[in-house]
């Protein structure tokens, strides 16, 4: 009998079983985002997710509980991923004060006004839920932390004051983004205004 004949068979589930719980959760969320992009949120169920990820249904249920739990986790994860990507990319380039402010303003307005991406699609699927309101507040708090972290190297303000001003800036960014979504202001002018506000606050 050859080595090829006696080698045990492995499939996707066997390989997946070797993932840690954190790695498995990342795999499931990444697969869920792919489903949203390729098939829409209506097709996102725990059973379909398990099939696409190559795991059993109990694995998916163990991580998210139900479809609502999956949507909430995905909503939080997508926003955190894009925020971390922007922040790490900006820090690695060591930008000037002006560049950091301009990029921060543009990135925030772009994300807040994006109604075509997977984040918006998942948010629409959660419309009206109490869980969405709670997660939105959590994500706004994360945005405040990101603003303070990105702006700290370019500001002489004490940390508590910079954090308070970051709260105001995030609120302003949300209001300006709504003006774009309502069609009463252009993204270009709003981004320019937001950049000026950030510069004036730090």
Protein backbone atom coordinates (compact mmCIF):
# COMPACT_ATOMS: atom_id res chain seq x y z
CA UNK A 1 0.00 0.00 0.00
CA UNK A 2 1.43 3.37 -0.99
CA UNK A 3 1.81 6.40 1.25
CA UNK A 4 -0.89 8.13 -0.78
CA UNK A 5 -3.30 5.26 -0.14
CA UNK A 6 -2.82 5.15 3.64
CA UNK A 7 -2.86 8.90 4.21
CA UNK A 8 -6.07 9.75 6.12
CA UNK A 9 -8.62 11.93 4.40
CA UNK A 10 -9.12 15.46 5.63
CA UNK A 11 -11.88 17.87 4.72
CA UNK A 12 -12.68 21.49 5.46
CA UNK A 13 -14.29 20.63 8.79
CA UNK A 14 -11.25 18.66 9.98
CA UNK A 15 -8.99 21.58 9.14
CA UNK A 16 -11.43 24.03 10.69
CA UNK A 17 -11.45 22.01 13.93
CA UNK A 18 -7.83 22.98 14.49
CA UNK A 19 -8.70 26.67 14.77
CA UNK A 20 -8.78 28.34 18.16
CA UNK A 21 -12.09 29.81 19.29
CA UNK A 22 -10.93 33.33 18.41
CA UNK A 23 -9.74 32.18 14.98
CA UNK A 24 -13.00 30.34 14.40
CA UNK A 25 -15.02 33.45 15.28
CA UNK A 26 -12.93 35.51 12.86
CA UNK A 27 -13.46 32.89 10.15
CA UNK A 28 -17.22 32.86 10.72
CA UNK A 29 -17.50 36.65 10.68
CA UNK A 30 -15.40 36.89 7.54
CA UNK A 31 -17.60 34.27 5.89
CA UNK A 32 -20.73 36.10 7.05
CA UNK A 33 -19.48 39.31 5.45
CA UNK A 34 -18.83 37.41 2.22
CA UNK A 35 -22.41 36.11 2.27
CA UNK A 36 -23.75 39.64 2.73
CA UNK A 37 -21.66 40.91 -0.18
CA UNK A 38 -22.44 38.04 -2.53
CA UNK A 39 -26.00 37.05 -1.58
CA UNK A 40 -27.46 39.80 0.61
CA UNK A 41 -28.45 39.90 4.27
CA UNK A 42 -31.65 37.91 3.66
CA UNK A 43 -29.50 34.85 3.01
CA UNK A 44 -27.51 35.28 6.21
CA UNK A 45 -28.66 32.57 8.60
CA UNK A 46 -26.66 30.49 11.05
CA UNK A 47 -27.35 27.36 9.04
CA UNK A 48 -26.18 28.90 5.78
CA UNK A 49 -23.17 30.43 7.52
CA UNK A 50 -22.18 27.04 8.90
CA UNK A 51 -22.45 25.47 5.45
CA UNK A 52 -20.39 28.20 3.78
CA UNK A 53 -17.75 28.10 6.54
CA UNK A 54 -17.51 24.30 6.50
CA UNK A 55 -18.53 23.79 10.13
CA UNK A 56 -21.49 22.20 11.87
CA UNK A 57 -24.54 24.25 12.85
CA UNK A 58 -23.86 23.91 16.60
CA UNK A 59 -20.52 25.68 16.10
CA UNK A 60 -22.24 28.71 14.57
CA UNK A 61 -24.94 28.72 17.25
CA UNK A 62 -22.31 28.46 19.98
CA UNK A 63 -20.65 31.65 18.75
CA UNK A 64 -23.70 33.81 18.05
CA UNK A 65 -26.78 32.27 19.66
CA UNK A 66 -29.22 33.33 16.97
CA UNK A 67 -29.43 35.37 13.76
CA UNK A 68 -29.80 38.63 15.66
CA UNK A 69 -26.65 37.86 17.63
CA UNK A 70 -24.82 37.15 14.38
CA UNK A 71 -25.94 40.43 12.81
CA UNK A 72 -24.91 42.42 15.90
CA UNK A 73 -21.51 40.73 16.04
CA UNK A 74 -20.97 41.32 12.32
CA UNK A 75 -22.07 44.96 12.55
CA UNK A 76 -19.62 45.59 15.39
CA UNK A 77 -16.80 43.64 13.72
CA UNK A 78 -17.02 45.38 10.33
CA UNK A 79 -16.85 48.83 11.92
CA UNK A 80 -14.02 47.87 14.27
CA UNK A 81 -12.04 46.29 11.43
CA UNK A 82 -12.22 49.34 9.19
CA UNK A 83 -11.45 51.67 12.10
CA UNK A 84 -8.40 49.64 13.12
CA UNK A 85 -7.21 49.44 9.51
CA UNK A 86 -7.39 53.21 9.11
CA UNK A 87 -5.74 53.89 12.46
CA UNK A 88 -2.85 51.46 11.98
CA UNK A 89 -2.26 52.67 8.43
CA UNK A 90 -2.17 56.30 9.53
CA UNK A 91 0.16 55.66 12.45
CA UNK A 92 2.57 53.61 10.31
CA UNK A 93 3.00 56.54 7.90
CA UNK A 94 3.75 59.05 10.67
CA UNK A 95 1.82 61.85 8.90
CA UNK A 96 2.17 65.57 9.44
CA UNK A 97 -0.43 67.36 11.53
CA UNK A 98 -2.21 68.68 8.44
CA UNK A 99 -2.24 65.28 6.73
CA UNK A 100 -3.50 63.48 9.84
CA UNK A 101 -6.38 65.94 10.21
CA UNK A 102 -7.29 65.79 6.52
CA UNK A 103 -7.21 62.00 6.37
CA UNK A 104 -9.15 61.62 9.61
CA UNK A 105 -11.89 63.97 8.42
CA UNK A 106 -12.14 62.34 4.99
CA UNK A 107 -12.18 58.78 6.36
CA UNK A 108 -14.86 59.54 8.93
CA UNK A 109 -17.17 61.30 6.48
CA UNK A 110 -16.62 58.57 3.86
CA UNK A 111 -17.55 55.81 6.31
CA UNK A 112 -20.51 57.67 7.81
CA UNK A 113 -22.01 58.44 4.40
CA UNK A 114 -21.40 55.04 2.80
CA UNK A 115 -24.84 53.56 2.14
CA UNK A 116 -23.70 50.93 -0.35
CA UNK A 117 -21.32 48.82 1.72
CA UNK A 118 -21.80 45.74 3.87
CA UNK A 119 -21.85 47.79 7.09
CA UNK A 120 -24.91 49.69 5.91
CA UNK A 121 -26.56 46.49 4.67
CA UNK A 122 -26.16 44.80 8.05
CA UNK A 123 -27.34 47.95 9.82
CA UNK A 124 -30.47 48.00 7.67
CA UNK A 125 -31.18 44.39 8.63
CA UNK A 126 -31.01 45.44 12.30
CA UNK A 127 -33.28 48.48 11.87
CA UNK A 128 -35.47 49.11 14.90
CA UNK A 129 -33.73 46.69 17.24
CA UNK A 130 -32.67 47.74 20.74
CA UNK A 131 -29.40 45.90 20.24
CA UNK A 132 -28.50 48.12 17.29
CA UNK A 133 -28.96 51.27 19.36
CA UNK A 134 -26.66 49.89 22.05
CA UNK A 135 -23.99 48.87 19.56
CA UNK A 136 -24.17 52.24 17.80
CA UNK A 137 -23.32 53.97 21.07
CA UNK A 138 -20.46 51.55 21.61
CA UNK A 139 -19.11 52.28 18.13
CA UNK A 140 -19.37 56.03 18.70
CA UNK A 141 -17.34 55.59 21.89
CA UNK A 142 -14.72 53.70 19.88
CA UNK A 143 -14.65 56.53 17.35
CA UNK A 144 -13.97 59.01 20.16
CA UNK A 145 -11.05 56.86 21.31
CA UNK A 146 -9.71 56.72 17.75
CA UNK A 147 -9.94 60.49 17.30
CA UNK A 148 -8.08 61.08 20.55
CA UNK A 149 -5.39 58.54 19.66
CA UNK A 150 -4.85 59.87 16.13
CA UNK A 151 -4.81 63.51 17.23
CA UNK A 152 -2.74 63.12 20.41
CA UNK A 153 0.67 63.32 18.65
CA UNK A 154 -0.41 66.61 17.07
CA UNK A 155 -1.94 68.31 20.11
CA UNK A 156 -0.64 69.85 23.32
CA UNK A 157 -3.97 69.46 25.08
CA UNK A 158 -4.16 67.33 28.25
CA UNK A 159 -5.63 63.90 27.53
CA UNK A 160 -8.95 64.52 29.35
CA UNK A 161 -9.54 67.73 27.39
CA UNK A 162 -8.60 66.10 24.09
CA UNK A 163 -11.05 63.29 24.81
CA UNK A 164 -13.84 65.76 25.58
CA UNK A 165 -13.16 67.61 22.35
CA UNK A 166 -13.07 64.33 20.46
CA UNK A 167 -16.58 63.61 21.73
CA UNK A 168 -17.69 66.91 20.24
CA UNK A 169 -15.88 66.23 16.98
CA UNK A 170 -17.50 62.82 16.55
CA UNK A 171 -20.89 64.40 17.17
CA UNK A 172 -20.12 67.07 14.59
CA UNK A 173 -18.97 64.42 12.13
CA UNK A 174 -22.26 62.57 12.52
CA UNK A 175 -24.29 65.76 11.99
CA UNK A 176 -22.26 66.77 8.93
CA UNK A 177 -22.62 63.28 7.48
CA UNK A 178 -26.39 63.46 7.88
CA UNK A 179 -26.36 66.70 5.88
CA UNK A 180 -24.65 64.81 3.05
CA UNK A 181 -27.10 61.92 3.25
CA UNK A 182 -30.05 64.34 3.15
CA UNK A 183 -28.56 65.94 0.05
CA UNK A 184 -28.30 69.44 1.51
CA UNK A 185 -24.49 69.53 1.49
CA UNK A 186 -21.83 67.91 -0.69
CA UNK A 187 -19.30 65.49 0.70
CA UNK A 188 -16.46 67.72 -0.49
CA UNK A 189 -17.62 70.82 1.37
CA UNK A 190 -18.54 68.85 4.48
CA UNK A 191 -15.12 67.17 4.58
CA UNK A 192 -13.42 70.54 4.23
CA UNK A 193 -15.52 71.98 7.05
CA UNK A 194 -14.85 68.99 9.27
CA UNK A 195 -11.10 69.30 8.68
CA UNK A 196 -11.24 72.95 9.74
CA UNK A 197 -13.21 72.07 12.86
CA UNK A 198 -10.70 69.40 13.87
CA UNK A 199 -7.77 71.76 13.33
CA UNK A 200 -9.46 74.45 15.39
CA UNK A 201 -10.21 72.08 18.27
CA UNK A 202 -6.72 70.73 18.84
